[in-house]
Amino acid sequence: MRNATQPPPPSRQTEATFGEIDKSARRTDVALPGEAGPDFHGIAHSNEFRELRGKLRRFTFPMTLVFLLWYVGYVVLAAYFPDFMGIRLFGAVNIGLVLGVGQFASTLLITALYLRYAANEIDPRAAELYRNVTGEERP
């Protein structure tokens, strides 16, 4: 006997969906096991791919180091030199506030620089590598 507060059992089993998504996320252009596909090991060891990774690293590592030093410098100044950070520049604006806003500004600047670098240096080489491997344009 069913309790009146319990909902009725579902009449049929349905597939779970999320937000009306009912398609598979599986890419159709990826080879299944046993099918021929790109030689990923060969690509990873090719000179073109190594050059592409090197170009990316030549930007990301130095920029990451600069930003981390800038961030740690800000934290050290705030923790050990509060009198310096409290020096008023004008009105209620002090050095700490200017450097804090500078953290956000430098993040936006680094992002813009990376986007420009990737568009000019990384993306064209990645597209060329893709063309060489598949023989077609990138989607």
N, C-alpha and C. Protein backbone atom coordinates (compact mmCIF):
# COMPACT_ATOMS: atom_id res chain seq x y z
N MET A 1 0.84 -1.17 0.00
CA MET A 1 0.00 0.00 0.00
C MET A 1 0.89 1.23 0.00
N ARG A 2 0.56 2.18 -0.83
CA ARG A 2 1.35 3.39 -1.02
C ARG A 2 0.85 4.47 -0.10
N ASN A 3 1.82 5.22 0.48
CA ASN A 3 1.51 6.36 1.33
C ASN A 3 1.02 7.50 0.44
N ALA A 4 0.09 8.29 0.89
CA ALA A 4 -0.49 9.37 0.08
C ALA A 4 0.52 10.48 -0.18
N THR A 5 1.55 10.60 0.63
CA THR A 5 2.53 11.67 0.44
C THR A 5 3.64 11.27 -0.53
N GLN A 6 3.74 10.01 -0.85
CA GLN A 6 4.78 9.56 -1.78
C GLN A 6 4.32 9.79 -3.22
N PRO A 7 5.24 10.23 -4.07
CA PRO A 7 4.86 10.40 -5.48
C PRO A 7 4.69 9.05 -6.13
N PRO A 8 3.89 9.01 -7.18
CA PRO A 8 3.70 7.72 -7.86
C PRO A 8 5.00 7.28 -8.52
N PRO A 9 5.23 6.00 -8.65
CA PRO A 9 6.46 5.53 -9.30
C PRO A 9 6.45 5.94 -10.76
N PRO A 10 7.65 6.18 -11.32
CA PRO A 10 7.69 6.58 -12.73
C PRO A 10 7.15 5.46 -13.61
N SER A 11 6.43 5.87 -14.65
CA SER A 11 5.81 4.88 -15.52
C SER A 11 6.84 4.20 -16.42
N ARG A 12 7.90 4.94 -16.76
CA ARG A 12 8.95 4.35 -17.59
C ARG A 12 10.28 4.99 -17.22
N GLN A 13 11.33 4.29 -17.46
CA GLN A 13 12.68 4.78 -17.17
C GLN A 13 13.11 5.72 -18.30
N THR A 14 13.57 6.93 -17.97
CA THR A 14 14.06 7.86 -18.98
C THR A 14 15.52 8.14 -18.73
N GLU A 15 16.21 8.53 -19.78
CA GLU A 15 17.62 8.87 -19.64
C GLU A 15 17.75 10.18 -18.89
N ALA A 16 18.75 10.25 -18.06
CA ALA A 16 19.00 11.49 -17.33
C ALA A 16 19.56 12.53 -18.29
N THR A 17 19.04 13.72 -18.21
CA THR A 17 19.56 14.82 -19.01
C THR A 17 19.85 15.98 -18.08
N PHE A 18 20.70 16.85 -18.53
CA PHE A 18 21.05 18.03 -17.74
C PHE A 18 20.84 19.25 -18.61
N GLY A 19 19.91 20.08 -18.23
CA GLY A 19 19.69 21.31 -18.97
C GLY A 19 19.29 21.08 -20.40
N GLU A 20 18.48 20.05 -20.64
CA GLU A 20 18.00 19.75 -21.98
C GLU A 20 19.11 19.23 -22.90
N ILE A 21 20.25 18.87 -22.35
CA ILE A 21 21.33 18.34 -23.17
C ILE A 21 21.10 16.85 -23.33
N ASP A 22 20.87 16.43 -24.54
CA ASP A 22 20.64 15.01 -24.74
C ASP A 22 21.58 14.40 -25.78
N LYS A 23 22.53 15.19 -26.24
CA LYS A 23 23.51 14.68 -27.19
C LYS A 23 24.76 14.23 -26.45
N SER A 24 25.45 13.31 -27.02
CA SER A 24 26.71 12.85 -26.46
C SER A 24 27.79 13.90 -26.70
N ALA A 25 28.72 14.00 -25.78
CA ALA A 25 29.83 14.93 -25.93
C ALA A 25 30.97 14.30 -26.71
N ARG A 26 30.84 13.05 -27.08
CA ARG A 26 31.91 12.35 -27.78
C ARG A 26 32.14 12.98 -29.14
N ARG A 27 33.39 13.26 -29.41
CA ARG A 27 33.75 13.83 -30.72
C ARG A 27 33.72 12.72 -31.75
N THR A 28 33.14 13.03 -32.88
CA THR A 28 33.03 12.02 -33.92
C THR A 28 34.29 11.92 -34.76
N ASP A 29 35.18 12.92 -34.65
CA ASP A 29 36.39 12.88 -35.46
C ASP A 29 37.56 12.20 -34.75
N VAL A 30 37.32 11.65 -33.56
CA VAL A 30 38.36 10.96 -32.81
C VAL A 30 38.25 9.47 -33.11
N ALA A 31 39.37 8.85 -33.41
CA ALA A 31 39.37 7.44 -33.77
C ALA A 31 39.09 6.57 -32.54
N LEU A 32 38.33 5.52 -32.75
CA LEU A 32 38.06 4.55 -31.70
C LEU A 32 39.25 3.59 -31.61
N PRO A 33 39.37 2.87 -30.49
CA PRO A 33 40.45 1.88 -30.40
C PRO A 33 40.38 0.89 -31.55
N GLY A 34 41.48 0.64 -32.18
CA GLY A 34 41.54 -0.27 -33.32
C GLY A 34 41.42 0.44 -34.65
N GLU A 35 40.96 1.69 -34.63
CA GLU A 35 40.86 2.47 -35.87
C GLU A 35 42.14 3.27 -36.05
N ALA A 36 42.41 3.63 -37.29
CA ALA A 36 43.59 4.46 -37.56
C ALA A 36 43.29 5.89 -37.13
N GLY A 37 44.24 6.53 -36.53
CA GLY A 37 44.09 7.91 -36.10
C GLY A 37 45.42 8.61 -36.16
N PRO A 38 45.47 9.85 -35.70
CA PRO A 38 46.74 10.58 -35.71
C PRO A 38 47.79 9.87 -34.84
N ASP A 39 49.02 9.99 -35.23
CA ASP A 39 50.13 9.41 -34.48
C ASP A 39 50.55 10.43 -33.41
N PHE A 40 49.85 10.41 -32.27
CA PHE A 40 50.09 11.41 -31.24
C PHE A 40 51.50 11.34 -30.68
N HIS A 41 52.05 10.15 -30.56
CA HIS A 41 53.42 10.01 -30.08
C HIS A 41 54.39 10.67 -31.06
N GLY A 42 54.18 10.42 -32.33
CA GLY A 42 55.04 11.02 -33.35
C GLY A 42 54.90 12.53 -33.39
N ILE A 43 53.67 13.02 -33.23
CA ILE A 43 53.44 14.47 -33.23
C ILE A 43 54.15 15.10 -32.05
N ALA A 44 54.01 14.50 -30.87
CA ALA A 44 54.61 15.06 -29.66
C ALA A 44 56.13 15.12 -29.75
N HIS A 45 56.73 14.24 -30.54
CA HIS A 45 58.19 14.22 -30.67
C HIS A 45 58.69 14.91 -31.94
N SER A 46 57.78 15.52 -32.68
CA SER A 46 58.19 16.20 -33.91
C SER A 46 58.83 17.55 -33.58
N ASN A 47 59.68 18.01 -34.49
CA ASN A 47 60.33 19.31 -34.30
C ASN A 47 59.33 20.45 -34.30
N GLU A 48 58.27 20.35 -35.13
CA GLU A 48 57.26 21.41 -35.18
C GLU A 48 56.57 21.58 -33.83
N PHE A 49 56.20 20.45 -33.22
CA PHE A 49 55.51 20.50 -31.94
C PHE A 49 56.44 21.00 -30.83
N ARG A 50 57.67 20.54 -30.85
CA ARG A 50 58.64 21.02 -29.85
C ARG A 50 58.87 22.52 -29.98
N GLU A 51 58.93 22.99 -31.21
CA GLU A 51 59.11 24.43 -31.45
C GLU A 51 57.88 25.20 -30.94
N LEU A 52 56.70 24.66 -31.17
CA LEU A 52 55.47 25.28 -30.70
C LEU A 52 55.44 25.36 -29.17
N ARG A 53 55.79 24.28 -28.51
CA ARG A 53 55.84 24.28 -27.04
C ARG A 53 56.90 25.24 -26.53
N GLY A 54 58.04 25.29 -27.21
CA GLY A 54 59.09 26.21 -26.81
C GLY A 54 58.65 27.66 -26.92
N LYS A 55 57.94 27.99 -27.99
CA LYS A 55 57.42 29.36 -28.15
C LYS A 55 56.47 29.71 -27.02
N LEU A 56 55.61 28.77 -26.68
CA LEU A 56 54.66 29.01 -25.59
C LEU A 56 55.38 29.18 -24.26
N ARG A 57 56.36 28.34 -24.00
CA ARG A 57 57.11 28.43 -22.75
C ARG A 57 57.93 29.72 -22.65
N ARG A 58 58.45 30.18 -23.77
CA ARG A 58 59.24 31.43 -23.75
C ARG A 58 58.40 32.63 -23.34
N PHE A 59 57.10 32.54 -23.48
CA PHE A 59 56.23 33.62 -23.00
C PHE A 59 55.72 33.32 -21.59
N THR A 60 55.19 32.12 -21.39
CA THR A 60 54.48 31.84 -20.14
C THR A 60 55.40 31.77 -18.92
N PHE A 61 56.54 31.15 -19.02
CA PHE A 61 57.41 31.03 -17.85
C PHE A 61 57.93 32.39 -17.36
N PRO A 62 58.51 33.22 -18.21
CA PRO A 62 58.97 34.52 -17.72
C PRO A 62 57.81 35.39 -17.19
N MET A 63 56.68 35.37 -17.88
CA MET A 63 55.56 36.19 -17.44
C MET A 63 55.01 35.70 -16.10
N THR A 64 54.96 34.39 -15.91
CA THR A 64 54.52 33.84 -14.64
C THR A 64 55.49 34.22 -13.53
N LEU A 65 56.79 34.14 -13.80
CA LEU A 65 57.80 34.51 -12.80
C LEU A 65 57.68 35.99 -12.43
N VAL A 66 57.53 36.84 -13.41
CA VAL A 66 57.39 38.28 -13.14
C VAL A 66 56.16 38.54 -12.29
N PHE A 67 55.04 37.91 -12.65
CA PHE A 67 53.82 38.16 -11.89
C PHE A 67 53.93 37.63 -10.47
N LEU A 68 54.51 36.43 -10.29
CA LEU A 68 54.64 35.88 -8.94
C LEU A 68 55.55 36.74 -8.07
N LEU A 69 56.65 37.24 -8.64
CA LEU A 69 57.53 38.14 -7.88
C LEU A 69 56.80 39.43 -7.51
N TRP A 70 56.03 39.97 -8.42
CA TRP A 70 55.25 41.18 -8.18
C TRP A 70 54.22 40.92 -7.08
N TYR A 71 53.54 39.76 -7.12
CA TYR A 71 52.54 39.42 -6.12
C TYR A 71 53.18 39.21 -4.75
N VAL A 72 54.25 38.42 -4.70
CA VAL A 72 54.92 38.17 -3.42
C VAL A 72 55.50 39.47 -2.86
N GLY A 73 56.03 40.31 -3.74
CA GLY A 73 56.52 41.61 -3.29
C GLY A 73 55.43 42.44 -2.64
N TYR A 74 54.24 42.42 -3.22
CA TYR A 74 53.11 43.14 -2.66
C TYR A 74 52.75 42.59 -1.28
N VAL A 75 52.69 41.26 -1.17
CA VAL A 75 52.34 40.63 0.11
C VAL A 75 53.41 40.94 1.17
N VAL A 76 54.67 40.86 0.80
CA VAL A 76 55.76 41.15 1.75
C VAL A 76 55.68 42.61 2.21
N LEU A 77 55.48 43.52 1.28
CA LEU A 77 55.34 44.93 1.65
C LEU A 77 54.15 45.13 2.60
N ALA A 78 53.04 44.50 2.30
CA ALA A 78 51.85 44.65 3.15
C ALA A 78 52.07 44.05 4.54
N ALA A 79 52.80 42.94 4.61
CA ALA A 79 52.99 42.27 5.89
C ALA A 79 54.08 42.90 6.75
N TYR A 80 55.19 43.32 6.13
CA TYR A 80 56.34 43.77 6.90
C TYR A 80 56.60 45.27 6.86
N PHE A 81 55.95 45.96 5.96
CA PHE A 81 56.16 47.41 5.85
C PHE A 81 54.82 48.15 5.79
N PRO A 82 53.99 47.97 6.82
CA PRO A 82 52.67 48.61 6.79
C PRO A 82 52.76 50.14 6.80
N ASP A 83 53.80 50.68 7.43
CA ASP A 83 53.94 52.14 7.43
C ASP A 83 54.19 52.67 6.02
N PHE A 84 55.00 51.95 5.26
CA PHE A 84 55.25 52.35 3.88
C PHE A 84 53.97 52.25 3.05
N MET A 85 53.24 51.13 3.22
CA MET A 85 52.02 50.93 2.45
C MET A 85 50.94 51.95 2.83
N GLY A 86 51.04 52.50 4.03
CA GLY A 86 50.04 53.45 4.51
C GLY A 86 50.32 54.89 4.12
N ILE A 87 51.42 55.16 3.46
CA ILE A 87 51.75 56.53 3.06
C ILE A 87 50.67 57.03 2.09
N ARG A 88 50.07 58.15 2.45
CA ARG A 88 49.00 58.72 1.61
C ARG A 88 49.62 59.45 0.42
N LEU A 89 49.06 59.18 -0.72
CA LEU A 89 49.50 59.85 -1.94
C LEU A 89 48.65 61.09 -2.19
N PHE A 90 47.35 60.93 -2.06
CA PHE A 90 46.41 62.05 -2.13
C PHE A 90 45.07 61.58 -1.56
N GLY A 91 44.40 62.44 -0.85
CA GLY A 91 43.12 62.09 -0.23
C GLY A 91 43.25 60.84 0.63
N ALA A 92 42.35 59.88 0.39
CA ALA A 92 42.38 58.62 1.14
C ALA A 92 43.13 57.53 0.40
N VAL A 93 43.80 57.89 -0.68
CA VAL A 93 44.52 56.91 -1.50
C VAL A 93 45.95 56.79 -1.00
N ASN A 94 46.34 55.56 -0.63
CA ASN A 94 47.70 55.33 -0.16
C ASN A 94 48.44 54.38 -1.10
N ILE A 95 49.70 54.15 -0.80
CA ILE A 95 50.54 53.30 -1.66
C ILE A 95 49.99 51.87 -1.73
N GLY A 96 49.51 51.35 -0.62
CA GLY A 96 48.95 50.00 -0.59
C GLY A 96 47.77 49.85 -1.53
N LEU A 97 46.90 50.85 -1.54
CA LEU A 97 45.74 50.80 -2.42
C LEU A 97 46.16 50.86 -3.89
N VAL A 98 47.09 51.72 -4.21
CA VAL A 98 47.57 51.84 -5.59
C VAL A 98 48.22 50.53 -6.04
N LEU A 99 49.06 49.94 -5.19
CA LEU A 99 49.70 48.67 -5.55
C LEU A 99 48.67 47.54 -5.64
N GLY A 100 47.66 47.55 -4.79
CA GLY A 100 46.60 46.54 -4.85
C GLY A 100 45.82 46.62 -6.15
N VAL A 101 45.45 47.83 -6.55
CA VAL A 101 44.76 48.00 -7.83
C VAL A 101 45.72 47.64 -8.97
N GLY A 102 47.00 47.92 -8.77
CA GLY A 102 48.01 47.54 -9.77
C GLY A 102 48.06 46.04 -10.00
N GLN A 103 47.74 45.24 -8.98
CA GLN A 103 47.69 43.78 -9.16
C GLN A 103 46.62 43.42 -10.19
N PHE A 104 45.46 44.03 -10.07
CA PHE A 104 44.39 43.75 -11.05
C PHE A 104 44.77 44.26 -12.43
N ALA A 105 45.33 45.45 -12.47
CA ALA A 105 45.73 46.03 -13.76
C ALA A 105 46.79 45.17 -14.44
N SER A 106 47.76 44.68 -13.66
CA SER A 106 48.81 43.86 -14.26
C SER A 106 48.26 42.52 -14.74
N THR A 107 47.27 41.98 -14.05
CA THR A 107 46.64 40.74 -14.50
C THR A 107 45.95 40.95 -15.85
N LEU A 108 45.23 42.05 -15.98
CA LEU A 108 44.57 42.36 -17.26
C LEU A 108 45.60 42.60 -18.36
N LEU A 109 46.68 43.28 -18.03
CA LEU A 109 47.73 43.55 -19.01
C LEU A 109 48.37 42.24 -19.48
N ILE A 110 48.70 41.36 -18.56
CA ILE A 110 49.32 40.08 -18.92
C ILE A 110 48.36 39.26 -19.79
N THR A 111 47.08 39.28 -19.45
CA THR A 111 46.08 38.56 -20.25
C THR A 111 46.03 39.11 -21.66
N ALA A 112 46.01 40.43 -21.80
CA ALA A 112 45.97 41.05 -23.13
C ALA A 112 47.24 40.72 -23.91
N LEU A 113 48.39 40.77 -23.25
CA LEU A 113 49.65 40.44 -23.92
C LEU A 113 49.66 38.99 -24.38
N TYR A 114 49.15 38.09 -23.53
CA TYR A 114 49.11 36.68 -23.91
C TYR A 114 48.18 36.46 -25.10
N LEU A 115 47.01 37.09 -25.07
CA LEU A 115 46.08 36.92 -26.18
C LEU A 115 46.71 37.38 -27.50
N ARG A 116 47.41 38.50 -27.46
CA ARG A 116 48.06 39.00 -28.67
C ARG A 116 49.19 38.05 -29.11
N TYR A 117 49.98 37.60 -28.15
CA TYR A 117 51.08 36.68 -28.45
C TYR A 117 50.55 35.37 -29.03
N ALA A 118 49.50 34.83 -28.42
CA ALA A 118 48.94 33.57 -28.90
C ALA A 118 48.37 33.73 -30.30
N ALA A 119 47.68 34.84 -30.55
CA ALA A 119 47.09 35.06 -31.87
C ALA A 119 48.16 35.21 -32.94
N ASN A 120 49.29 35.83 -32.61
CA ASN A 120 50.35 36.07 -33.61
C ASN A 120 51.36 34.94 -33.72
N GLU A 121 51.65 34.26 -32.63
CA GLU A 121 52.74 33.29 -32.62
C GLU A 121 52.28 31.83 -32.46
N ILE A 122 51.36 31.58 -31.56
CA ILE A 122 50.99 30.20 -31.21
C ILE A 122 49.92 29.65 -32.15
N ASP A 123 48.83 30.38 -32.30
CA ASP A 123 47.70 29.87 -33.08
C ASP A 123 48.05 29.57 -34.53
N PRO A 124 48.78 30.44 -35.24
CA PRO A 124 49.13 30.08 -36.63
C PRO A 124 49.98 28.82 -36.72
N ARG A 125 50.91 28.66 -35.80
CA ARG A 125 51.76 27.45 -35.83
C ARG A 125 50.96 26.20 -35.46
N ALA A 126 50.03 26.34 -34.51
CA ALA A 126 49.18 25.20 -34.15
C ALA A 126 48.28 24.82 -35.31
N ALA A 127 47.75 25.81 -36.03
CA ALA A 127 46.91 25.53 -37.19
C ALA A 127 47.72 24.83 -38.28
N GLU A 128 48.96 25.28 -38.47
CA GLU A 128 49.83 24.66 -39.48
C GLU A 128 50.14 23.22 -39.10
N LEU A 129 50.42 22.98 -37.83
CA LEU A 129 50.68 21.62 -37.36
C LEU A 129 49.45 20.74 -37.56
N TYR A 130 48.29 21.27 -37.25
CA TYR A 130 47.04 20.53 -37.45
C TYR A 130 46.84 20.19 -38.93
N ARG A 131 47.09 21.17 -39.80
CA ARG A 131 46.96 20.95 -41.24
C ARG A 131 47.92 19.87 -41.71
N ASN A 132 49.15 19.90 -41.20
CA ASN A 132 50.16 18.90 -41.60
C ASN A 132 49.77 17.49 -41.15
N VAL A 133 49.13 17.39 -40.00
CA VAL A 133 48.77 16.08 -39.46
C VAL A 133 47.50 15.53 -40.10
N THR A 134 46.48 16.39 -40.25
CA THR A 134 45.18 15.91 -40.73
C THR A 134 44.96 16.18 -42.21
N GLY A 135 45.65 17.16 -42.77
CA GLY A 135 45.43 17.52 -44.14
C GLY A 135 44.21 18.40 -44.35
N GLU A 136 43.65 18.91 -43.27
CA GLU A 136 42.47 19.78 -43.38
C GLU A 136 42.62 20.99 -42.47
N GLU A 137 41.77 21.98 -42.70
CA GLU A 137 41.78 23.18 -41.88
C GLU A 137 41.18 22.88 -40.51
N ARG A 138 41.64 23.65 -39.51
CA ARG A 138 41.07 23.50 -38.17
C ARG A 138 39.62 23.96 -38.15
N PRO A 139 38.79 23.24 -37.38
CA PRO A 139 37.38 23.66 -37.28
C PRO A 139 37.25 24.95 -36.51
